[in-house]
C-alpha atoms as a PDB file:
ATOM      1  CA  UNK A   1     127.333 238.888 133.977  1.00  0.00           C
ATOM      2  CA  UNK A   2     128.407 241.650 136.266  1.00  0.00           C
ATOM      3  CA  UNK A   3     127.938 245.416 135.712  1.00  0.00           C
ATOM      4  CA  UNK A   4     130.624 247.985 136.436  1.00  0.00           C
ATOM      5  CA  UNK A   5     130.717 251.750 136.904  1.00  0.00           C
ATOM      6  CA  UNK A   6     133.763 253.119 135.409  1.00  0.00           C
ATOM      7  CA  UNK A   7     134.347 256.702 136.564  1.00  0.00           C
ATOM      8  CA  UNK A   8     136.421 258.718 134.147  1.00  0.00           C
ATOM      9  CA  UNK A   9     135.701 256.188 131.411  1.00  0.00           C
ATOM     10  CA  UNK A  10     136.221 258.572 128.478  1.00  0.00           C
ATOM     11  CA  UNK A  11     139.884 258.837 129.234  1.00  0.00           C
ATOM     12  CA  UNK A  12     142.934 256.785 128.172  1.00  0.00           C
ATOM     13  CA  UNK A  13     143.552 254.235 130.781  1.00  0.00           C
ATOM     14  CA  UNK A  14     139.963 253.780 131.726  1.00  0.00           C
ATOM     15  CA  UNK A  15     139.102 253.555 128.121  1.00  0.00           C
ATOM     16  CA  UNK A  16     141.148 250.480 127.756  1.00  0.00           C
ATOM     17  CA  UNK A  17     139.451 249.074 131.012  1.00  0.00           C
ATOM     18  CA  UNK A  18     136.042 249.538 129.440  1.00  0.00           C
ATOM     19  CA  UNK A  19     137.213 247.812 126.310  1.00  0.00           C
ATOM     20  CA  UNK A  20     138.574 244.719 128.082  1.00  0.00           C
ATOM     21  CA  UNK A  21     135.520 244.521 130.338  1.00  0.00           C
ATOM     22  CA  UNK A  22     133.145 244.606 127.339  1.00  0.00           C
ATOM     23  CA  UNK A  23     135.348 242.104 125.317  1.00  0.00           C
ATOM     24  CA  UNK A  24     134.890 239.617 128.213  1.00  0.00           C
ATOM     25  CA  UNK A  25     131.097 240.033 128.313  1.00  0.00           C
ATOM     26  CA  UNK A  26     130.593 242.455 131.244  1.00  0.00           C
ATOM     27  CA  UNK A  27     128.213 245.343 131.252  1.00  0.00           C
ATOM     28  CA  UNK A  28     129.623 248.739 131.784  1.00  0.00           C
ATOM     29  CA  UNK A  29     128.285 252.252 132.753  1.00  0.00           C
ATOM     30  CA  UNK A  30     130.636 255.163 132.035  1.00  0.00           C
ATOM     31  CA  UNK A  31     130.576 258.472 133.967  1.00  0.00           C
ATOM     32  CA  UNK A  32     132.798 261.281 132.723  1.00  0.00           C
ATOM     33  CA  UNK A  33     132.609 265.005 132.737  1.00  0.00           C
ATOM     34  CA  UNK A  34     134.532 265.177 129.381  1.00  0.00           C
ATOM     35  CA  UNK A  35     136.698 267.979 130.696  1.00  0.00           C
ATOM     36  CA  UNK A  36     139.801 265.936 129.782  1.00  0.00           C
ATOM     37  CA  UNK A  37     138.282 262.749 128.391  1.00  0.00           C
ATOM     38  CA  UNK A  38     136.982 262.428 124.851  1.00  0.00           C
ATOM     39  CA  UNK A  39     133.453 261.266 123.973  1.00  0.00           C
ATOM     40  CA  UNK A  40     134.657 259.236 121.133  1.00  0.00           C
ATOM     41  CA  UNK A  41     136.713 257.221 123.557  1.00  0.00           C
ATOM     42  CA  UNK A  42     133.635 255.911 125.061  1.00  0.00           C
ATOM     43  CA  UNK A  43     132.866 252.294 123.950  1.00  0.00           C
ATOM     44  CA  UNK A  44     129.678 252.170 121.914  1.00  0.00           C
ATOM     45  CA  UNK A  45     128.422 249.203 123.985  1.00  0.00           C
ATOM     46  CA  UNK A  46     128.703 251.052 127.230  1.00  0.00           C
ATOM     47  CA  UNK A  47     125.991 253.195 128.846  1.00  0.00           C
ATOM     48  CA  UNK A  48     127.180 256.739 129.150  1.00  0.00           C
ATOM     49  CA  UNK A  49     126.494 259.586 131.473  1.00  0.00           C
ATOM     50  CA  UNK A  50     128.117 262.945 131.273  1.00  0.00           C
ATOM     51  CA  UNK A  51     128.800 264.521 134.683  1.00  0.00           C
ATOM     52  CA  UNK A  52     130.944 264.836 137.712  1.00  0.00           C
ATOM     53  CA  UNK A  53     131.691 262.023 140.071  1.00  0.00           C
ATOM     54  CA  UNK A  54     130.884 264.590 142.925  1.00  0.00           C
ATOM     55  CA  UNK A  55     127.355 264.917 141.675  1.00  0.00           C
ATOM     56  CA  UNK A  56     125.380 263.015 144.239  1.00  0.00           C
ATOM     57  CA  UNK A  57     121.930 263.262 142.443  1.00  0.00           C
ATOM     58  CA  UNK A  58     123.453 261.836 139.278  1.00  0.00           C
ATOM     59  CA  UNK A  59     125.346 259.088 141.243  1.00  0.00           C
ATOM     60  CA  UNK A  60     122.162 258.078 142.970  1.00  0.00           C
ATOM     61  CA  UNK A  61     120.243 257.949 139.528  1.00  0.00           C
ATOM     62  CA  UNK A  62     122.967 255.668 138.156  1.00  0.00           C
ATOM     63  CA  UNK A  63     122.988 253.402 140.999  1.00  0.00           C
ATOM     64  CA  UNK A  64     119.237 253.248 141.164  1.00  0.00           C
ATOM     65  CA  UNK A  65     118.838 252.516 137.475  1.00  0.00           C
ATOM     66  CA  UNK A  66     121.880 250.038 137.245  1.00  0.00           C
ATOM     67  CA  UNK A  67     122.714 247.162 139.371  1.00  0.00           C
ATOM     68  CA  UNK A  68     126.476 247.964 139.866  1.00  0.00           C
ATOM     69  CA  UNK A  69     128.694 245.433 141.337  1.00  0.00           C
ATOM     70  CA  UNK A  70     131.970 247.277 141.466  1.00  0.00           C
ATOM     71  CA  UNK A  71     133.088 250.948 140.952  1.00  0.00           C
ATOM     72  CA  UNK A  72     136.333 251.474 139.108  1.00  0.00           C
ATOM     73  CA  UNK A  73     137.474 255.028 139.856  1.00  0.00           C
ATOM     74  CA  UNK A  74     139.850 256.304 137.364  1.00  0.00           C
ATOM     75  CA  UNK A  75     138.959 259.979 137.354  1.00  0.00           C
ATOM     76  CA  UNK A  76     141.200 262.677 138.654  1.00  0.00           C
ATOM     77  CA  UNK A  77     143.458 265.600 137.757  1.00  0.00           C
ATOM     78  CA  UNK A  78     147.134 264.450 137.196  1.00  0.00           C
ATOM     79  CA  UNK A  79     149.494 267.318 136.599  1.00  0.00           C
ATOM     80  CA  UNK A  80     152.060 267.738 139.145  1.00  0.00           C
ATOM     81  CA  UNK A  81     153.019 271.404 138.184  1.00  0.00           C
ATOM     82  CA  UNK A  82     149.501 272.577 138.059  1.00  0.00           C
ATOM     83  CA  UNK A  83     148.645 271.111 141.457  1.00  0.00           C
ATOM     84  CA  UNK A  84     151.478 273.137 143.153  1.00  0.00           C
ATOM     85  CA  UNK A  85     150.032 276.274 141.534  1.00  0.00           C
ATOM     86  CA  UNK A  86     146.360 275.345 142.091  1.00  0.00           C
ATOM     87  CA  UNK A  87     146.073 273.064 145.100  1.00  0.00           C
ATOM     88  CA  UNK A  88     142.435 273.938 145.648  1.00  0.00           C
ATOM     89  CA  UNK A  89     141.410 272.582 142.419  1.00  0.00           C
ATOM     90  CA  UNK A  90     143.193 269.166 143.078  1.00  0.00           C
ATOM     91  CA  UNK A  91     141.848 268.682 146.613  1.00  0.00           C
ATOM     92  CA  UNK A  92     138.283 269.461 145.463  1.00  0.00           C
ATOM     93  CA  UNK A  93     138.451 267.112 142.454  1.00  0.00           C
ATOM     94  CA  UNK A  94     140.568 264.225 143.673  1.00  0.00           C
ATOM     95  CA  UNK A  95     139.528 264.191 147.329  1.00  0.00           C
ATOM     96  CA  UNK A  96     136.289 266.003 147.909  1.00  0.00           C
ATOM     97  CA  UNK A  97     134.373 264.587 144.839  1.00  0.00           C
ATOM     98  CA  UNK A  98     135.695 261.186 145.751  1.00  0.00           C
ATOM     99  CA  UNK A  99     134.039 261.410 149.161  1.00  0.00           C
ATOM    100  CA  UNK A 100     130.784 262.236 147.432  1.00  0.00           C
ATOM    101  CA  UNK A 101     131.216 258.984 145.317  1.00  0.00           C
ATOM    102  CA  UNK A 102     131.829 256.854 148.422  1.00  0.00           C
ATOM    103  CA  UNK A 103     128.784 258.378 150.136  1.00  0.00           C
ATOM    104  CA  UNK A 104     126.595 257.590 147.184  1.00  0.00           C
ATOM    105  CA  UNK A 105     127.870 254.120 147.029  1.00  0.00           C
ATOM    106  CA  UNK A 106     126.962 253.674 150.718  1.00  0.00           C
ATOM    107  CA  UNK A 107     123.449 254.955 150.253  1.00  0.00           C
ATOM    108  CA  UNK A 108     122.887 252.612 147.420  1.00  0.00           C
ATOM    109  CA  UNK A 109     124.487 249.481 148.783  1.00  0.00           C
ATOM    110  CA  UNK A 110     127.544 249.290 146.432  1.00  0.00           C
ATOM    111  CA  UNK A 111     130.209 247.616 148.428  1.00  0.00           C
ATOM    112  CA  UNK A 112     133.304 247.378 146.135  1.00  0.00           C
ATOM    113  CA  UNK A 113     135.675 249.964 144.684  1.00  0.00           C
ATOM    114  CA  UNK A 114     138.867 249.820 142.718  1.00  0.00           C
ATOM    115  CA  UNK A 115     140.724 253.171 142.884  1.00  0.00           C
ATOM    116  CA  UNK A 116     143.514 254.385 140.655  1.00  0.00           C
ATOM    117  CA  UNK A 117     146.013 256.115 142.913  1.00  0.00           C
ATOM    118  CA  UNK A 118     149.608 257.078 142.002  1.00  0.00           C
ATOM    119  CA  UNK A 119     153.301 256.585 142.812  1.00  0.00           C
ATOM    120  CA  UNK A 120     153.223 260.225 143.767  1.00  0.00           C
ATOM    121  CA  UNK A 121     151.942 259.173 147.253  1.00  0.00           C
ATOM    122  CA  UNK A 122     155.453 258.109 148.109  1.00  0.00           C
ATOM    123  CA  UNK A 123     157.146 261.530 147.368  1.00  0.00           C
ATOM    124  CA  UNK A 124     160.998 261.051 147.389  1.00  0.00           C
ATOM    125  CA  UNK A 125     161.261 257.348 148.454  1.00  0.00           C
ATOM    126  CA  UNK A 126     163.923 256.169 150.841  1.00  0.00           C
ATOM    127  CA  UNK A 127     164.303 252.853 149.103  1.00  0.00           C
ATOM    128  CA  UNK A 128     163.820 251.878 145.341  1.00  0.00           C
ATOM    129  CA  UNK A 129     162.110 249.818 144.067  1.00  0.00           C
ATOM    130  CA  UNK A 130     159.070 251.028 146.245  1.00  0.00           C
ATOM    131  CA  UNK A 131     157.154 248.357 148.000  1.00  0.00           C
ATOM    132  CA  UNK A 132     153.634 248.865 149.421  1.00  0.00           C
ATOM    133  CA  UNK A 133     154.999 249.199 152.872  1.00  0.00           C
ATOM    134  CA  UNK A 134     157.139 252.277 151.908  1.00  0.00           C
ATOM    135  CA  UNK A 135     156.281 255.429 153.875  1.00  0.00           C
ATOM    136  CA  UNK A 136     153.645 257.735 152.237  1.00  0.00           C
ATOM    137  CA  UNK A 137     155.241 261.286 152.025  1.00  0.00           C
ATOM    138  CA  UNK A 138     153.870 263.133 148.927  1.00  0.00           C
ATOM    139  CA  UNK A 139     155.643 266.223 148.127  1.00  0.00           C
ATOM    140  CA  UNK A 140     153.028 267.998 145.940  1.00  0.00           C
ATOM    141  CA  UNK A 141     149.271 268.506 146.269  1.00  0.00           C
ATOM    142  CA  UNK A 142     148.524 266.030 143.451  1.00  0.00           C
ATOM    143  CA  UNK A 143     150.152 263.228 145.464  1.00  0.00           C
ATOM    144  CA  UNK A 144     148.624 264.523 148.786  1.00  0.00           C
ATOM    145  CA  UNK A 145     145.093 264.593 147.163  1.00  0.00           C
ATOM    146  CA  UNK A 146     145.420 260.923 146.096  1.00  0.00           C
ATOM    147  CA  UNK A 147     146.929 259.933 149.474  1.00  0.00           C
ATOM    148  CA  UNK A 148     143.921 261.624 151.316  1.00  0.00           C
ATOM    149  CA  UNK A 149     141.502 259.635 149.354  1.00  0.00           C
ATOM    150  CA  UNK A 150     143.381 256.533 149.884  1.00  0.00           C
ATOM    151  CA  UNK A 151     143.066 257.137 153.597  1.00  0.00           C
ATOM    152  CA  UNK A 152     139.318 257.829 153.245  1.00  0.00           C
ATOM    153  CA  UNK A 153     138.674 254.453 151.450  1.00  0.00           C
ATOM    154  CA  UNK A 154     140.418 252.767 154.316  1.00  0.00           C
ATOM    155  CA  UNK A 155     138.448 254.524 156.941  1.00  0.00           C
ATOM    156  CA  UNK A 156     135.203 253.795 155.179  1.00  0.00           C
ATOM    157  CA  UNK A 157     136.221 250.151 154.880  1.00  0.00           C
ATOM    158  CA  UNK A 158     136.862 250.038 158.760  1.00  0.00           C
ATOM    159  CA  UNK A 159     133.566 251.799 159.480  1.00  0.00           C
ATOM    160  CA  UNK A 160     131.080 250.737 156.843  1.00  0.00           C
ATOM    161  CA  UNK A 161     132.588 247.443 155.502  1.00  0.00           C
ATOM    162  CA  UNK A 162     133.641 248.980 152.011  1.00  0.00           C
ATOM    163  CA  UNK A 163     135.695 246.419 150.059  1.00  0.00           C
ATOM    164  CA  UNK A 164     138.635 248.034 148.091  1.00  0.00           C
ATOM    165  CA  UNK A 165     141.605 247.581 145.866  1.00  0.00           C
ATOM    166  CA  UNK A 166     143.894 250.502 145.482  1.00  0.00           C
ATOM    167  CA  UNK A 167     146.453 250.541 142.690  1.00  0.00           C
ATOM    168  CA  UNK A 168     149.388 252.843 142.509  1.00  0.00           C
ATOM    169  CA  UNK A 169     150.459 253.518 138.909  1.00  0.00           C
ATOM    170  CA  UNK A 170     153.980 254.198 137.642  1.00  0.00           C
ATOM    171  CA  UNK A 171     153.638 256.000 134.301  1.00  0.00           C
ATOM    172  CA  UNK A 172     151.094 254.137 132.284  1.00  0.00           C
ATOM    173  CA  UNK A 173     151.856 254.412 128.430  1.00  0.00           C
ATOM    174  CA  UNK A 174     151.531 252.531 125.222  1.00  0.00           C
ATOM    175  CA  UNK A 175     148.390 251.965 123.197  1.00  0.00           C
ATOM    176  CA  UNK A 176     145.715 249.189 122.653  1.00  0.00           C
ATOM    177  CA  UNK A 177     143.787 248.679 119.462  1.00  0.00           C
ATOM    178  CA  UNK A 178     141.170 251.181 120.421  1.00  0.00           C
ATOM    179  CA  UNK A 179     142.863 253.611 122.794  1.00  0.00           C
ATOM    180  CA  UNK A 180     146.007 255.654 122.707  1.00  0.00           C
ATOM    181  CA  UNK A 181     147.436 258.120 125.183  1.00  0.00           C
ATOM    182  CA  UNK A 182     145.942 261.536 124.349  1.00  0.00           C
ATOM    183  CA  UNK A 183     145.258 264.386 126.680  1.00  0.00           C
ATOM    184  CA  UNK A 184     143.740 267.818 126.036  1.00  0.00           C
ATOM    185  CA  UNK A 185     146.644 269.545 127.853  1.00  0.00           C
ATOM    186  CA  UNK A 186     149.312 266.924 127.155  1.00  0.00           C
ATOM    187  CA  UNK A 187     151.992 266.479 130.060  1.00  0.00           C
ATOM    188  CA  UNK A 188     153.228 262.996 129.610  1.00  0.00           C
ATOM    189  CA  UNK A 189     156.521 262.341 128.264  1.00  0.00           C
ATOM    190  CA  UNK A 190     156.075 259.898 125.417  1.00  0.00           C
ATOM    191  CA  UNK A 191     153.210 261.688 123.729  1.00  0.00           C
ATOM    192  CA  UNK A 192     155.108 264.826 124.061  1.00  0.00           C
ATOM    193  CA  UNK A 193     158.168 263.385 122.419  1.00  0.00           C
ATOM    194  CA  UNK A 194     155.983 262.024 119.693  1.00  0.00           C
ATOM    195  CA  UNK A 195     154.603 265.703 119.114  1.00  0.00           C
ATOM    196  CA  UNK A 196     158.162 266.819 118.756  1.00  0.00           C
ATOM    197  CA  UNK A 197     159.027 264.091 116.292  1.00  0.00           C
ATOM    198  CA  UNK A 198     156.082 264.936 114.138  1.00  0.00           C
ATOM    199  CA  UNK A 199     156.837 268.671 114.230  1.00  0.00           C
ATOM    200  CA  UNK A 200     153.643 269.464 116.212  1.00  0.00           C
ATOM    201  CA  UNK A 201     155.885 271.172 118.860  1.00  0.00           C
ATOM    202  CA  UNK A 202     159.288 272.643 118.283  1.00  0.00           C
ATOM    203  CA  UNK A 203     161.163 270.446 120.845  1.00  0.00           C
ATOM    204  CA  UNK A 204     160.802 268.337 123.999  1.00  0.00           C
ATOM    205  CA  UNK A 205     161.889 269.889 127.261  1.00  0.00           C
ATOM    206  CA  UNK A 206     163.912 267.914 129.700  1.00  0.00           C
ATOM    207  CA  UNK A 207     163.520 269.395 133.177  1.00  0.00           C
ATOM    208  CA  UNK A 208     166.534 268.918 135.250  1.00  0.00           C
ATOM    209  CA  UNK A 209     169.895 267.141 134.255  1.00  0.00           C
ATOM    210  CA  UNK A 210     171.500 267.198 137.736  1.00  0.00           C
ATOM    211  CA  UNK A 211     169.532 264.596 139.662  1.00  0.00           C
ATOM    212  CA  UNK A 212     171.249 261.795 141.459  1.00  0.00           C
ATOM    213  CA  UNK A 213     170.665 259.287 138.695  1.00  0.00           C
ATOM    214  CA  UNK A 214     173.084 257.630 136.204  1.00  0.00           C
ATOM    215  CA  UNK A 215     172.576 260.408 133.479  1.00  0.00           C
ATOM    216  CA  UNK A 216     171.210 263.232 135.633  1.00  0.00           C
ATOM    217  CA  UNK A 217     167.580 262.921 134.343  1.00  0.00           C
ATOM    218  CA  UNK A 218     164.635 261.554 136.236  1.00  0.00           C
ATOM    219  CA  UNK A 219     163.963 257.742 136.454  1.00  0.00           C
ATOM    220  CA  UNK A 220     160.517 256.534 136.064  1.00  0.00           C
ATOM    221  CA  UNK A 221     158.889 253.053 135.861  1.00  0.00           C
ATOM    222  CA  UNK A 222     156.855 252.848 132.638  1.00  0.00           C
ATOM    223  CA  UNK A 223     154.051 250.288 132.318  1.00  0.00           C
ATOM    224  CA  UNK A 224     151.979 249.258 129.230  1.00  0.00           C
ATOM    225  CA  UNK A 225     148.281 250.343 129.639  1.00  0.00           C
ATOM    226  CA  UNK A 226     147.183 246.843 128.791  1.00  0.00           C
ATOM    227  CA  UNK A 227     149.294 245.339 131.558  1.00  0.00           C
ATOM    228  CA  UNK A 228     147.892 247.993 133.896  1.00  0.00           C
ATOM    229  CA  UNK A 229     144.311 246.878 133.118  1.00  0.00           C
ATOM    230  CA  UNK A 230     145.057 243.138 133.238  1.00  0.00           C
ATOM    231  CA  UNK A 231     145.827 243.732 136.917  1.00  0.00           C
ATOM    232  CA  UNK A 232     142.467 245.354 137.366  1.00  0.00           C
ATOM    233  CA  UNK A 233     140.619 242.464 135.786  1.00  0.00           C
ATOM    234  CA  UNK A 234     142.521 240.156 138.164  1.00  0.00           C
ATOM    235  CA  UNK A 235     141.666 242.340 141.120  1.00  0.00           C
ATOM    236  CA  UNK A 236     137.897 242.171 140.276  1.00  0.00           C
ATOM    237  CA  UNK A 237     138.015 238.308 140.910  1.00  0.00           C
ATOM    238  CA  UNK A 238     140.484 238.581 143.807  1.00  0.00           C
ATOM    239  CA  UNK A 239     138.269 240.953 145.661  1.00  0.00           C
ATOM    240  CA  UNK A 240     135.630 237.914 146.083  1.00  0.00           C
ATOM    241  CA  UNK A 241     137.952 236.538 148.719  1.00  0.00           C
ATOM    242  CA  UNK A 242     140.290 239.487 149.810  1.00  0.00           C
ATOM    243  CA  UNK A 243     138.442 242.678 150.823  1.00  0.00           C
ATOM    244  CA  UNK A 244     141.201 245.230 151.556  1.00  0.00           C
ATOM    245  CA  UNK A 245     144.056 245.340 148.979  1.00  0.00           C
ATOM    246  CA  UNK A 246     146.695 247.676 147.741  1.00  0.00           C
ATOM    247  CA  UNK A 247     149.240 247.070 144.989  1.00  0.00           C
ATOM    248  CA  UNK A 248     151.935 248.979 143.262  1.00  0.00           C
ATOM    249  CA  UNK A 249     151.905 248.391 139.467  1.00  0.00           C
ATOM    250  CA  UNK A 250     155.185 248.892 137.544  1.00  0.00           C
ATOM    251  CA  UNK A 251     157.767 246.870 135.748  1.00  0.00           C
ATOM    252  CA  UNK A 252     160.314 247.121 138.478  1.00  0.00           C
ATOM    253  CA  UNK A 253     162.939 248.861 136.405  1.00  0.00           C
ATOM    254  CA  UNK A 254     163.339 252.357 135.703  1.00  0.00           C
ATOM    255  CA  UNK A 255     164.229 254.337 132.496  1.00  0.00           C
ATOM    256  CA  UNK A 256     165.626 257.926 132.397  1.00  0.00           C
ATOM    257  CA  UNK A 257     164.091 260.719 130.325  1.00  0.00           C
ATOM    258  CA  UNK A 258     167.200 260.484 128.180  1.00  0.00           C
ATOM    259  CA  UNK A 259     166.750 256.746 127.675  1.00  0.00           C
ATOM    260  CA  UNK A 260     163.111 257.262 126.657  1.00  0.00           C
ATOM    261  CA  UNK A 261     164.043 259.759 124.193  1.00  0.00           C
ATOM    262  CA  UNK A 262     166.688 257.457 122.846  1.00  0.00           C
ATOM    263  CA  UNK A 263     164.288 254.674 122.535  1.00  0.00           C
ATOM    264  CA  UNK A 264     161.776 256.782 120.594  1.00  0.00           C
ATOM    265  CA  UNK A 265     164.561 257.801 118.186  1.00  0.00           C
ATOM    266  CA  UNK A 266     165.383 254.066 117.758  1.00  0.00           C
ATOM    267  CA  UNK A 267     161.612 253.024 117.003  1.00  0.00           C
ATOM    268  CA  UNK A 268     160.770 255.972 114.778  1.00  0.00           C
ATOM    269  CA  UNK A 269     164.017 256.437 113.108  1.00  0.00           C
ATOM    270  CA  UNK A 270     163.677 260.152 113.719  1.00  0.00           C
ATOM    271  CA  UNK A 271     165.844 262.632 115.627  1.00  0.00           C
ATOM    272  CA  UNK A 272     164.109 264.242 118.692  1.00  0.00           C
ATOM    273  CA  UNK A 273     164.682 268.040 119.095  1.00  0.00           C
ATOM    274  CA  UNK A 274     165.614 268.432 122.817  1.00  0.00           C
ATOM    275  CA  UNK A 275     165.994 271.558 125.014  1.00  0.00           C
ATOM    276  CA  UNK A 276     167.177 271.459 128.673  1.00  0.00           C
ATOM    277  CA  UNK A 277     165.523 273.394 131.408  1.00  0.00           C
ATOM    278  CA  UNK A 278     165.491 273.643 135.139  1.00  0.00           C
ATOM    279  CA  UNK A 279     163.995 271.175 137.552  1.00  0.00           C
ATOM    280  CA  UNK A 280     160.192 271.315 137.948  1.00  0.00           C
ATOM    281  CA  UNK A 281     159.018 271.833 141.481  1.00  0.00           C
ATOM    282  CA  UNK A 282     157.711 268.673 143.074  1.00  0.00           C
ATOM    283  CA  UNK A 283     159.486 266.072 140.779  1.00  0.00           C
ATOM    284  CA  UNK A 284     161.260 263.310 142.648  1.00  0.00           C
ATOM    285  CA  UNK A 285     164.397 261.955 141.142  1.00  0.00           C
ATOM    286  CA  UNK A 286     163.364 258.214 141.130  1.00  0.00           C
ATOM    287  CA  UNK A 287     159.975 256.395 140.987  1.00  0.00           C
ATOM    288  CA  UNK A 288     160.356 252.773 140.437  1.00  0.00           C
ATOM    289  CA  UNK A 289     157.837 250.086 141.693  1.00  0.00           C
ATOM    290  CA  UNK A 290     158.231 246.785 143.270  1.00  0.00           C
ATOM    291  CA  UNK A 291     155.384 244.710 141.813  1.00  0.00           C
ATOM    292  CA  UNK A 292     156.221 241.519 143.691  1.00  0.00           C
ATOM    293  CA  UNK A 293     153.075 241.702 145.716  1.00  0.00           C
ATOM    294  CA  UNK A 294     150.831 242.020 142.657  1.00  0.00           C
ATOM    295  CA  UNK A 295     152.676 239.229 140.975  1.00  0.00           C
ATOM    296  CA  UNK A 296     152.322 236.946 143.951  1.00  0.00           C
ATOM    297  CA  UNK A 297     148.728 237.534 145.027  1.00  0.00           C
ATOM    298  CA  UNK A 298     147.194 238.460 141.707  1.00  0.00           C
ATOM    299  CA  UNK A 299     149.103 236.207 139.519  1.00  0.00           C
ATOM    300  CA  UNK A 300     150.032 239.277 137.527  1.00  0.00           C
ATOM    301  CA  UNK A 301     152.699 239.244 134.828  1.00  0.00           C
ATOM    302  CA  UNK A 302     153.384 242.198 132.548  1.00  0.00           C
ATOM    303  CA  UNK A 303     153.491 241.178 128.920  1.00  0.00           C
ATOM    304  CA  UNK A 304     155.356 244.362 127.616  1.00  0.00           C
ATOM    305  CA  UNK A 305     158.231 245.007 130.106  1.00  0.00           C
ATOM    306  CA  UNK A 306     160.607 246.818 127.698  1.00  0.00           C
ATOM    307  CA  UNK A 307     160.381 250.348 126.939  1.00  0.00           C
ATOM    308  CA  UNK A 308     160.889 249.644 123.275  1.00  0.00           C
ATOM    309  CA  UNK A 309     157.733 247.424 123.286  1.00  0.00           C
ATOM    310  CA  UNK A 310     155.710 250.111 124.915  1.00  0.00           C
ATOM    311  CA  UNK A 311     156.917 252.884 122.605  1.00  0.00           C
ATOM    312  CA  UNK A 312     156.405 250.642 119.537  1.00  0.00           C
ATOM    313  CA  UNK A 313     152.807 250.072 120.327  1.00  0.00           C
ATOM    314  CA  UNK A 314     152.310 253.829 120.942  1.00  0.00           C
ATOM    315  CA  UNK A 315     153.929 254.769 117.717  1.00  0.00           C
ATOM    316  CA  UNK A 316     151.852 252.325 115.729  1.00  0.00           C
ATOM    317  CA  UNK A 317     148.692 254.054 117.056  1.00  0.00           C
ATOM    318  CA  UNK A 318     150.235 257.375 115.966  1.00  0.00           C
ATOM    319  CA  UNK A 319     150.928 256.507 112.381  1.00  0.00           C
END
């Protein structure tokens, strides 16, 4: 039995990871500051510490008390618009605190990390679908903060022998039996549409209808959270033989904002109230992944590739 430290384990995606690790018999320690996560999300069989991933004393305590095999770092701020207005907050949280985590791992002999990065490191990609070889050119502080930490991980690997897997997410969504998408300051499209459908907000805002896409709205690659986590579980085993890995995780096909709204209306049988607004600063037109590398090397195959499947699981968790 291996023991894992899941950083940000009270959140949505990481909560599913903890759930799946414990289901297969692993031991899990969760670290979360509960600023955006929820204490009730923490699996009852996990050991829980409340605190920041930049708290060196706390990290040293965790590593001293628990024989951690691998760190899974899901923690980070994720709102693009906020990052443009408050870049210092994002660089401090997503980059500087990450360095503290890496240093604590070094001091305590923990050699493996799986890091949750983002498609935002690619900015406005020149080619779609986006492969791992695509140029990193983030266009907002959120993407930059994640990209800087990716680079730090690679430098630590070269200098200190750190073993790593970097995953770049493309709009995780859907729900498992225990976890659904739920944020304190909700910014993700599908749960926002659900709020509008349930009357918890007056409407859903569509930011920009003049992008160079088939219907003028942004195209994104949506991936079910359980598919996302299945790749992490495969990576844990893969890292026994391959020490420096990076993978894009998506379904390889994109859906526009309008298509997602239409799919919600189909699944729920309810009309979505929509208002149209100007583009948000820092939003690229298309973000769609090529997951061929993950499929080839990890043997990973998404079980829920259709947007209707994703929305159906998410709506089931709502009602």
